[in-house]
N, C-alpha and C. Protein backbone atom coordinates (compact mmCIF):
# COMPACT_ATOMS: atom_id res chain seq x y z
N MET A 1 0.86 -1.23 -0.06
CA MET A 1 0.17 0.03 0.02
C MET A 1 0.97 1.09 0.05
N ARG A 2 0.65 2.21 -0.77
CA ARG A 2 1.30 3.26 -1.00
C ARG A 2 0.71 4.42 -0.01
N VAL A 3 1.34 5.09 0.80
CA VAL A 3 0.80 5.99 1.93
C VAL A 3 1.59 7.21 2.04
N LEU A 4 0.70 8.52 1.88
CA LEU A 4 1.27 9.67 2.17
C LEU A 4 1.17 10.11 3.72
N ASP A 5 2.30 10.42 4.39
CA ASP A 5 2.18 10.96 5.66
C ASP A 5 2.59 12.59 5.67
N TYR A 6 1.35 13.22 5.47
CA TYR A 6 1.51 14.55 5.50
C TYR A 6 1.44 15.45 6.98
N GLY A 7 2.59 16.22 7.00
CA GLY A 7 3.12 16.72 8.24
C GLY A 7 3.44 15.78 9.23
N ALA A 8 4.45 14.85 8.72
CA ALA A 8 5.19 13.77 9.55
C ALA A 8 5.91 14.10 10.61
N GLY A 9 6.09 15.30 10.72
CA GLY A 9 6.86 15.56 12.26
C GLY A 9 8.21 14.91 12.11
N ARG A 10 8.49 14.01 13.38
CA ARG A 10 9.71 13.34 13.63
C ARG A 10 9.79 12.12 12.94
N GLY A 11 8.38 11.78 12.26
CA GLY A 11 8.41 10.35 11.31
C GLY A 11 7.86 9.20 12.28
N ALA A 12 7.18 9.32 13.29
CA ALA A 12 7.02 8.21 14.35
C ALA A 12 5.73 7.23 13.36
N MET A 13 4.82 8.01 12.93
CA MET A 13 3.73 7.07 11.81
C MET A 13 4.39 6.67 10.86
N THR A 14 5.24 7.47 10.16
CA THR A 14 5.99 7.26 8.92
C THR A 14 6.67 5.62 9.03
N LEU A 15 7.54 5.81 10.05
CA LEU A 15 8.28 4.52 10.55
C LEU A 15 7.39 3.37 10.94
N GLU A 16 6.34 3.77 11.78
CA GLU A 16 5.38 2.50 12.16
C GLU A 16 4.81 1.98 10.60
N LEU A 17 4.33 3.05 9.95
CA LEU A 17 3.70 2.28 8.62
C LEU A 17 4.65 1.54 7.83
N LYS A 18 6.00 1.91 7.66
CA LYS A 18 7.09 1.31 6.96
C LYS A 18 7.09 -0.01 7.30
N LYS A 19 7.24 -0.10 8.78
CA LYS A 19 7.62 -1.35 9.52
C LYS A 19 6.48 -2.56 9.39
N ARG A 20 5.11 -2.02 8.93
CA ARG A 20 4.08 -2.81 8.66
C ARG A 20 3.90 -3.23 7.17
N GLY A 21 4.86 -2.47 6.50
CA GLY A 21 4.93 -3.09 5.04
C GLY A 21 4.45 -1.89 4.03
N ALA A 22 4.14 -0.98 4.46
CA ALA A 22 3.64 0.20 3.22
C ALA A 22 4.82 0.98 2.76
N ASP A 23 4.72 1.38 1.57
CA ASP A 23 5.50 2.30 0.86
C ASP A 23 5.24 3.51 1.17
N VAL A 24 5.91 4.27 2.07
CA VAL A 24 5.52 5.60 2.75
C VAL A 24 6.37 7.02 2.11
N THR A 25 5.71 7.83 1.83
CA THR A 25 6.43 8.97 1.43
C THR A 25 5.95 10.17 2.47
N ALA A 26 6.93 10.80 3.00
CA ALA A 26 6.47 11.90 4.02
C ALA A 26 6.76 13.44 3.47
N VAL A 27 5.71 14.48 3.87
CA VAL A 27 5.85 15.50 3.64
C VAL A 27 5.76 16.44 5.09
N GLU A 28 6.97 17.04 5.07
CA GLU A 28 7.44 17.78 6.58
C GLU A 28 8.49 18.84 6.20
N PRO A 29 7.99 20.31 6.23
CA PRO A 29 8.60 21.36 6.02
C PRO A 29 9.73 21.45 7.09
N PHE A 30 9.41 21.32 8.50
CA PHE A 30 10.52 21.52 9.25
C PHE A 30 11.35 20.37 9.67
N GLY A 31 10.93 19.02 9.62
CA GLY A 31 11.94 17.91 10.01
C GLY A 31 12.17 17.19 8.71
N HIS A 32 12.06 17.89 7.67
CA HIS A 32 12.57 17.33 6.16
C HIS A 32 14.05 16.60 6.45
N ASP A 33 14.88 17.40 6.82
CA ASP A 33 16.49 16.80 6.90
C ASP A 33 16.44 15.63 7.88
N TYR A 34 15.89 15.63 8.91
CA TYR A 34 15.80 14.69 9.83
C TYR A 34 15.09 13.35 9.42
N LEU A 35 14.20 13.50 8.63
CA LEU A 35 13.38 12.24 7.85
C LEU A 35 14.38 11.69 6.90
N VAL A 36 15.07 12.53 6.18
CA VAL A 36 15.79 12.08 5.12
C VAL A 36 16.88 11.31 5.65
N GLY A 37 17.51 11.74 6.83
CA GLY A 37 18.50 11.34 7.80
C GLY A 37 18.27 9.64 8.19
N LEU A 38 17.04 9.70 8.53
CA LEU A 38 16.28 8.33 8.64
C LEU A 38 16.25 7.23 7.68
N GLY A 39 16.33 7.80 6.63
CA GLY A 39 16.06 7.06 5.12
C GLY A 39 14.82 7.05 4.68
N VAL A 40 13.89 8.11 5.01
CA VAL A 40 12.51 8.13 4.71
C VAL A 40 12.52 9.12 3.67
N SER A 41 11.53 8.63 2.41
CA SER A 41 11.39 9.54 1.26
C SER A 41 10.47 10.59 1.90
N ALA A 42 11.27 11.87 1.61
CA ALA A 42 10.57 12.89 2.42
C ALA A 42 10.71 14.31 1.33
N TYR A 43 9.80 14.75 1.57
CA TYR A 43 9.53 16.33 0.79
C TYR A 43 9.13 17.56 1.72
N ARG A 44 9.75 18.66 1.44
CA ARG A 44 9.40 19.65 2.23
C ARG A 44 8.10 20.23 1.95
N ASP A 45 7.40 19.86 0.65
CA ASP A 45 6.09 20.57 0.26
C ASP A 45 5.08 19.48 -0.55
N LEU A 46 3.96 19.48 -0.25
CA LEU A 46 3.36 18.48 -1.41
C LEU A 46 3.50 18.72 -2.56
N PHE A 47 3.60 20.10 -2.98
CA PHE A 47 3.89 20.48 -4.53
C PHE A 47 5.43 20.25 -5.22
N ASP A 48 6.34 19.53 -3.76
CA ASP A 48 7.58 19.37 -4.45
C ASP A 48 7.40 17.80 -4.73
N LEU A 49 6.46 17.05 -4.70
CA LEU A 49 6.05 15.73 -4.93
C LEU A 49 5.97 15.83 -6.46
N PRO A 50 6.43 14.63 -7.15
CA PRO A 50 5.88 14.44 -8.55
C PRO A 50 4.64 14.56 -8.87
N SER A 51 3.99 15.12 -9.78
CA SER A 51 2.52 15.30 -10.03
C SER A 51 1.86 13.98 -10.29
N ALA A 52 2.63 13.13 -10.96
CA ALA A 52 1.97 11.67 -10.90
C ALA A 52 1.72 10.94 -10.08
N ILE A 53 2.35 11.02 -8.92
CA ILE A 53 2.36 10.13 -7.75
C ILE A 53 0.99 10.19 -7.25
N ARG A 54 0.40 9.07 -6.84
CA ARG A 54 -1.10 9.02 -6.37
C ARG A 54 -0.74 7.88 -5.24
N PHE A 55 -1.68 7.96 -3.97
CA PHE A 55 -1.49 7.28 -2.84
C PHE A 55 -2.95 6.54 -2.67
N ASP A 56 -2.64 5.47 -2.07
CA ASP A 56 -3.87 4.56 -1.51
C ASP A 56 -4.57 5.30 -0.13
N GLY A 57 -3.65 5.84 0.54
CA GLY A 57 -4.06 6.51 1.68
C GLY A 57 -3.10 7.55 2.05
N ILE A 58 -3.80 8.60 2.95
CA ILE A 58 -3.00 9.69 3.46
C ILE A 58 -3.40 9.94 4.97
N VAL A 59 -2.26 9.96 5.60
CA VAL A 59 -2.40 10.19 7.10
C VAL A 59 -2.23 11.76 7.16
N CYS A 60 -3.09 12.42 7.93
CA CYS A 60 -2.87 13.91 8.37
C CYS A 60 -3.19 14.13 9.89
N LEU A 61 -2.24 13.91 10.56
CA LEU A 61 -2.40 13.59 12.24
C LEU A 61 -1.67 15.13 12.62
N GLU A 62 -3.01 15.70 13.47
CA GLU A 62 -2.58 16.94 14.08
C GLU A 62 -2.00 17.93 13.41
N VAL A 63 -2.40 18.21 12.04
CA VAL A 63 -1.79 19.17 11.19
C VAL A 63 -2.82 20.27 10.56
N ILE A 64 -4.11 20.04 10.32
CA ILE A 64 -4.78 21.06 9.70
C ILE A 64 -4.98 22.26 10.49
N GLU A 65 -5.28 21.96 11.72
CA GLU A 65 -5.23 23.25 12.74
C GLU A 65 -4.23 24.10 12.62
N HIS A 66 -3.02 23.84 12.05
CA HIS A 66 -2.07 24.68 11.92
C HIS A 66 -2.09 25.42 10.56
N LEU A 67 -3.04 25.25 9.92
CA LEU A 67 -2.73 25.61 8.44
C LEU A 67 -3.83 26.80 8.12
N GLN A 68 -3.19 27.92 7.25
CA GLN A 68 -3.90 29.04 7.08
C GLN A 68 -5.08 28.60 6.01
N ASP A 69 -4.88 27.52 5.05
CA ASP A 69 -6.10 27.31 4.14
C ASP A 69 -6.15 25.53 4.31
N PRO A 70 -6.80 25.14 5.35
CA PRO A 70 -6.73 23.87 5.73
C PRO A 70 -7.75 23.04 4.36
N ARG A 71 -8.72 24.02 4.13
CA ARG A 71 -9.61 23.33 3.07
C ARG A 71 -8.98 23.19 1.79
N GLY A 72 -8.17 24.05 1.44
CA GLY A 72 -7.28 24.14 0.32
C GLY A 72 -6.33 22.94 0.32
N VAL A 73 -5.52 22.48 1.19
CA VAL A 73 -4.72 21.65 1.65
C VAL A 73 -5.65 20.27 1.42
N LEU A 74 -6.51 20.23 2.21
CA LEU A 74 -7.40 18.99 2.08
C LEU A 74 -7.71 18.89 0.26
N SER A 75 -8.14 19.66 -0.16
CA SER A 75 -8.67 19.64 -1.74
C SER A 75 -7.29 18.94 -2.25
N SER A 76 -5.88 19.53 -1.94
CA SER A 76 -4.83 19.05 -2.57
C SER A 76 -4.62 17.68 -2.40
N LEU A 77 -4.66 17.09 -1.38
CA LEU A 77 -4.59 15.94 -0.74
C LEU A 77 -5.43 14.89 -1.31
N TYR A 78 -6.87 15.41 -1.77
CA TYR A 78 -7.69 14.61 -2.21
C TYR A 78 -7.28 14.51 -3.76
N GLY A 79 -6.60 15.52 -4.34
CA GLY A 79 -6.04 15.09 -5.85
C GLY A 79 -4.90 14.29 -5.86
N ARG A 80 -4.34 13.93 -4.76
CA ARG A 80 -3.13 13.01 -4.61
C ARG A 80 -3.55 11.51 -4.50
N LEU A 81 -4.91 11.41 -3.96
CA LEU A 81 -5.54 9.96 -3.63
C LEU A 81 -5.85 9.35 -4.90
N SER A 82 -5.38 8.01 -5.19
CA SER A 82 -6.09 7.17 -5.90
C SER A 82 -7.47 7.07 -5.87
N PRO A 83 -8.30 6.67 -6.85
CA PRO A 83 -9.94 6.48 -6.72
C PRO A 83 -9.88 5.17 -5.42
N GLY A 84 -10.85 5.65 -4.70
CA GLY A 84 -11.17 4.64 -3.65
C GLY A 84 -10.37 4.69 -2.50
N GLY A 85 -9.24 5.72 -2.76
CA GLY A 85 -8.38 5.98 -1.56
C GLY A 85 -8.96 6.50 -0.36
N TRP A 86 -7.98 6.52 0.69
CA TRP A 86 -8.75 6.83 2.02
C TRP A 86 -7.87 8.00 2.53
N LEU A 87 -8.43 9.07 3.53
CA LEU A 87 -7.76 9.99 4.07
C LEU A 87 -8.23 9.84 5.71
N LEU A 88 -7.13 9.73 6.50
CA LEU A 88 -7.44 10.05 8.05
C LEU A 88 -7.03 11.26 8.44
N VAL A 89 -7.79 11.88 8.92
CA VAL A 89 -7.32 13.17 9.70
C VAL A 89 -7.68 13.03 11.01
N THR A 90 -6.72 13.77 12.11
CA THR A 90 -6.85 13.90 13.14
C THR A 90 -6.58 15.39 13.76
N THR A 91 -7.46 15.94 14.40
CA THR A 91 -7.28 17.27 15.05
C THR A 91 -8.22 17.70 16.36
N PRO A 92 -7.70 18.59 17.08
CA PRO A 92 -8.72 19.08 17.99
C PRO A 92 -10.17 19.14 17.89
N ASN A 93 -10.90 18.89 18.73
CA ASN A 93 -12.29 18.61 18.69
C ASN A 93 -13.10 19.74 19.38
N ALA A 94 -13.43 20.89 18.48
CA ALA A 94 -13.73 22.20 18.86
C ALA A 94 -15.26 21.99 19.51
N ALA A 95 -15.85 20.94 19.38
CA ALA A 95 -17.13 20.71 19.89
C ALA A 95 -17.06 19.87 20.80
N GLY A 96 -16.06 19.30 21.42
CA GLY A 96 -15.70 18.24 22.58
C GLY A 96 -16.08 19.07 23.77
N LEU A 97 -16.18 18.14 24.86
CA LEU A 97 -16.54 18.60 26.14
C LEU A 97 -15.39 19.71 26.82
N PRO A 98 -14.07 19.25 26.58
CA PRO A 98 -13.01 20.21 27.16
C PRO A 98 -13.37 21.48 26.63
N ALA A 99 -13.56 21.60 25.21
CA ALA A 99 -13.44 22.90 24.60
C ALA A 99 -14.78 23.86 24.92
N LYS A 100 -15.82 22.92 25.28
CA LYS A 100 -17.22 23.74 25.70
C LYS A 100 -16.89 24.25 27.31
N LEU A 101 -16.26 23.39 27.93
CA LEU A 101 -16.33 23.73 29.26
C LEU A 101 -15.09 24.76 29.59
N MET A 102 -14.00 24.91 28.80
CA MET A 102 -13.24 25.89 28.90
C MET A 102 -13.10 27.01 27.89
N GLY A 103 -13.72 27.32 26.85
CA GLY A 103 -14.16 28.27 26.04
C GLY A 103 -12.69 28.68 25.49
N GLN A 104 -12.32 29.87 25.62
CA GLN A 104 -11.01 30.40 25.14
C GLN A 104 -9.90 30.00 25.87
N ARG A 105 -10.14 29.39 26.97
CA ARG A 105 -8.99 28.73 28.00
C ARG A 105 -8.71 27.68 27.66
N TRP A 106 -9.54 26.96 26.62
CA TRP A 106 -9.13 25.54 26.13
C TRP A 106 -7.64 25.47 25.76
N ARG A 107 -7.12 24.55 26.13
CA ARG A 107 -5.74 24.44 25.87
C ARG A 107 -5.15 24.44 24.41
N GLU A 108 -6.13 23.88 23.55
CA GLU A 108 -6.26 23.95 22.13
C GLU A 108 -6.47 25.26 21.43
N ALA A 109 -7.31 25.83 22.03
CA ALA A 109 -7.60 27.16 21.54
C ALA A 109 -6.51 28.31 21.94
N ALA A 110 -5.84 27.89 23.00
CA ALA A 110 -4.73 28.99 23.72
C ALA A 110 -3.33 28.82 23.12
N LYS A 111 -3.21 27.89 22.11
CA LYS A 111 -2.04 27.80 21.44
C LYS A 111 -2.05 28.43 20.31
N PRO A 112 -0.90 29.45 20.35
CA PRO A 112 -0.95 30.38 19.03
C PRO A 112 -0.72 29.79 17.91
N SER A 113 -0.36 28.31 17.77
CA SER A 113 -0.11 27.97 16.35
C SER A 113 -1.22 27.53 15.90
N HIS A 114 -2.37 27.26 16.84
CA HIS A 114 -3.85 26.65 15.94
C HIS A 114 -4.32 27.85 15.49
N ILE A 115 -4.55 27.66 14.06
CA ILE A 115 -5.19 28.94 13.49
C ILE A 115 -6.86 28.68 13.24
N VAL A 116 -7.27 27.27 13.12
CA VAL A 116 -8.30 26.77 12.62
C VAL A 116 -8.66 25.50 13.30
N LEU A 117 -9.85 25.69 14.15
CA LEU A 117 -10.26 24.54 15.07
C LEU A 117 -11.54 24.16 14.49
N PHE A 118 -11.68 22.64 14.27
CA PHE A 118 -12.80 22.36 13.71
C PHE A 118 -14.01 21.57 14.73
N THR A 119 -14.92 21.54 14.24
CA THR A 119 -16.08 20.58 14.77
C THR A 119 -16.22 19.61 13.93
N PRO A 120 -16.73 18.48 14.46
CA PRO A 120 -17.09 17.53 13.65
C PRO A 120 -18.01 17.82 12.37
N ALA A 121 -19.05 18.73 12.70
CA ALA A 121 -19.77 18.97 11.54
C ALA A 121 -19.16 19.84 10.41
N ALA A 122 -18.32 20.78 11.01
CA ALA A 122 -17.39 21.55 9.78
C ALA A 122 -16.44 20.76 9.12
N LEU A 123 -15.86 19.97 9.76
CA LEU A 123 -14.70 19.02 9.04
C LEU A 123 -15.46 18.18 8.01
N GLU A 124 -16.69 17.47 8.39
CA GLU A 124 -17.44 16.79 7.46
C GLU A 124 -17.86 17.66 6.35
N LYS A 125 -18.36 18.79 6.67
CA LYS A 125 -18.89 19.56 5.49
C LYS A 125 -17.83 19.87 4.43
N SER A 126 -16.71 20.17 5.13
CA SER A 126 -15.64 20.69 4.18
C SER A 126 -15.09 19.29 3.24
N LEU A 127 -14.93 18.31 3.82
CA LEU A 127 -14.82 17.10 3.21
C LEU A 127 -15.55 16.58 2.30
N LEU A 128 -16.77 16.74 2.50
CA LEU A 128 -17.88 16.35 1.33
C LEU A 128 -17.82 17.39 0.35
N ALA A 129 -17.53 18.64 0.35
CA ALA A 129 -17.56 19.78 -0.38
C ALA A 129 -16.62 19.66 -1.32
N ILE A 130 -15.45 19.01 -0.91
CA ILE A 130 -14.06 18.69 -1.68
C ILE A 130 -14.45 17.59 -2.46
N GLY A 131 -15.33 16.60 -2.42
CA GLY A 131 -15.53 15.51 -3.20
C GLY A 131 -15.38 14.02 -2.56
N PHE A 132 -14.82 14.01 -1.35
CA PHE A 132 -14.97 12.92 -0.41
C PHE A 132 -16.18 12.37 -0.27
N ARG A 133 -16.29 11.02 -0.03
CA ARG A 133 -17.52 10.45 0.75
C ARG A 133 -17.30 9.57 1.46
N ASP A 134 -18.32 8.84 2.09
CA ASP A 134 -18.24 7.97 3.20
C ASP A 134 -17.14 8.44 4.31
N VAL A 135 -17.75 9.67 4.76
CA VAL A 135 -16.88 10.52 5.78
C VAL A 135 -17.59 9.86 7.18
N ARG A 136 -16.52 9.24 7.94
CA ARG A 136 -16.96 8.44 9.15
C ARG A 136 -16.05 8.94 10.15
N ARG A 137 -16.42 9.03 11.57
CA ARG A 137 -15.67 9.14 12.62
C ARG A 137 -15.74 7.61 13.45
N PRO A 138 -14.68 7.11 13.23
CA PRO A 138 -14.49 5.77 13.80
C PRO A 138 -14.38 5.57 15.26
N ARG A 139 -14.84 4.63 15.87
CA ARG A 139 -14.70 4.53 17.30
C ARG A 139 -13.52 3.69 17.57
N TRP A 140 -12.49 4.43 18.12
CA TRP A 140 -11.34 3.81 18.81
C TRP A 140 -10.96 4.64 19.77
N PHE A 141 -10.37 3.77 20.85
CA PHE A 141 -10.10 4.37 22.25
C PHE A 141 -8.72 4.67 22.32
N VAL A 142 -8.22 5.99 22.77
CA VAL A 142 -6.84 6.12 23.00
C VAL A 142 -6.76 6.01 24.55
N ARG A 143 -5.46 5.22 24.71
CA ARG A 143 -5.11 4.99 26.00
C ARG A 143 -4.28 6.26 26.96
N TYR A 144 -4.56 6.44 27.89
CA TYR A 144 -3.65 7.64 28.61
C TYR A 144 -2.90 6.64 29.67
N PRO A 145 -1.63 6.12 29.40
CA PRO A 145 -0.95 5.29 30.43
C PRO A 145 -0.67 5.96 31.86
N SER A 146 -0.59 7.15 31.70
CA SER A 146 -0.26 7.91 33.08
C SER A 146 -1.45 8.45 33.81
N ALA A 147 -2.77 8.30 33.26
CA ALA A 147 -3.97 8.69 33.86
C ALA A 147 -4.26 7.95 35.06
N SER A 148 -5.03 8.57 36.10
CA SER A 148 -5.20 7.79 37.04
C SER A 148 -6.49 6.93 36.77
N MET A 149 -7.09 6.01 37.50
CA MET A 149 -8.35 5.11 37.07
C MET A 149 -9.43 5.96 36.81
N LEU A 150 -9.68 6.84 37.58
CA LEU A 150 -10.87 7.72 37.38
C LEU A 150 -10.84 8.56 36.12
N ARG A 151 -9.71 8.98 35.96
CA ARG A 151 -9.37 9.69 34.73
C ARG A 151 -9.53 8.89 33.50
N ALA A 152 -8.93 7.95 33.73
CA ALA A 152 -9.14 6.84 32.48
C ALA A 152 -10.52 6.80 31.88
N VAL A 153 -11.36 6.29 33.13
CA VAL A 153 -12.63 5.99 32.78
C VAL A 153 -13.57 7.14 32.26
N ALA A 154 -13.07 8.41 33.06
CA ALA A 154 -13.67 9.30 31.98
C ALA A 154 -13.11 9.70 30.84
N HIS A 155 -11.91 9.38 30.34
CA HIS A 155 -11.47 9.55 28.85
C HIS A 155 -12.08 8.60 28.04
N PHE A 156 -12.25 7.42 28.49
CA PHE A 156 -13.11 6.50 27.87
C PHE A 156 -14.34 6.47 27.47
N GLY A 157 -15.10 7.42 28.57
CA GLY A 157 -16.51 7.54 28.36
C GLY A 157 -16.52 8.84 27.63
N MET A 158 -15.76 9.83 27.51
CA MET A 158 -16.07 10.76 26.75
C MET A 158 -15.40 10.42 25.21
N GLN A 159 -14.71 9.71 25.13
CA GLN A 159 -14.23 8.86 23.81
C GLN A 159 -15.50 8.10 23.15
N GLY A 160 -16.03 7.44 23.86
CA GLY A 160 -17.25 6.62 23.71
C GLY A 160 -18.50 7.50 23.03
N LEU A 161 -18.67 8.60 23.87
CA LEU A 161 -19.83 9.42 23.38
C LEU A 161 -19.33 10.62 22.30
N ARG A 162 -18.16 10.48 21.94
CA ARG A 162 -17.43 11.22 20.88
C ARG A 162 -17.53 12.73 21.31
N ILE A 163 -17.16 13.21 22.50
CA ILE A 163 -17.41 14.50 23.01
C ILE A 163 -15.74 14.75 23.71
N ASP A 164 -14.76 13.74 23.42
CA ASP A 164 -13.33 14.20 23.95
C ASP A 164 -12.77 15.27 23.06
N GLY A 165 -11.70 15.41 23.50
CA GLY A 165 -11.07 16.79 22.80
C GLY A 165 -10.37 16.28 21.67
N GLY A 166 -10.44 15.21 21.01
CA GLY A 166 -9.75 14.66 19.75
C GLY A 166 -10.70 14.33 18.73
N LEU A 167 -10.48 14.86 17.60
CA LEU A 167 -11.56 14.33 16.41
C LEU A 167 -10.72 13.74 15.68
N ARG A 168 -11.21 12.43 14.90
CA ARG A 168 -10.56 11.50 14.38
C ARG A 168 -11.69 11.20 13.01
N VAL A 169 -11.23 11.63 11.84
CA VAL A 169 -12.14 11.27 10.57
C VAL A 169 -11.49 10.48 9.62
N VAL A 170 -12.16 9.67 9.03
CA VAL A 170 -11.80 8.84 7.83
C VAL A 170 -12.67 9.10 6.84
N ALA A 171 -12.24 9.41 5.48
CA ALA A 171 -12.96 9.78 4.28
C ALA A 171 -12.24 9.03 3.16
N ARG A 172 -13.21 8.77 2.11
CA ARG A 172 -12.57 8.01 0.84
C ARG A 172 -12.82 8.89 -0.05
N ARG A 173 -12.03 8.92 -1.29
CA ARG A 173 -12.35 9.30 -2.72
C ARG A 173 -13.10 8.26 -3.29
N PRO A 174 -14.15 8.87 -4.08
CA PRO A 174 -14.99 7.77 -4.62
C PRO A 174 -14.06 7.10 -5.91
N GLY A 175 -14.45 5.84 -6.12
CA GLY A 175 -13.85 5.00 -7.16
C GLY A 175 -13.70 3.68 -6.88
N ALA A 176 -12.85 2.94 -7.44
CA ALA A 176 -12.48 1.58 -7.15
C ALA A 176 -12.03 1.35 -5.58
N GLN A 177 -12.37 0.25 -4.85
CA GLN A 177 -11.97 0.08 -3.65
C GLN A 177 -10.61 -0.53 -3.72
N VAL A 178 -9.83 0.09 -2.68
CA VAL A 178 -8.40 -0.20 -2.35
C VAL A 178 -8.36 -1.41 -1.68
N ARG A 179 -7.38 -2.41 -2.18
CA ARG A 179 -7.08 -3.55 -1.64
C ARG A 179 -6.26 -3.71 -0.42
């Protein structure tokens, strides 16, 4: 499977995907040289990639909230997907309980590098307008190993109700299914 890790950071996801047999390309403007030093096929910008390259899947983890034009980037990523390809986006959940309780003091809203914060409805609407279909919020539980038992139960409960601080979305480009 050919996968693009957009906003690869220091390459944790890239390396894990490679370990599991994927052919991974990374796009990372700030950690580019570090990734190349690890032996990763890396580019500084999406537009540096050869235009003919298409991917079966794209991961975009904790990136879109930092972008001035997240919808434009998501549209460019859509164009890089093969028909039937998938996109996984994670970003802070502006409609989650932590955001609602804390308002402007919510830690994600307080970070100066967070330019655009999404609610589930806003992200879904953007993805559908670009052309993605089958937009889903998969249920999986993130474990917090250092959390107390009470806090861990609260995290699992909020994740189960989809009101936690993290928004995870998978969307498909219409077309043939990826094997």
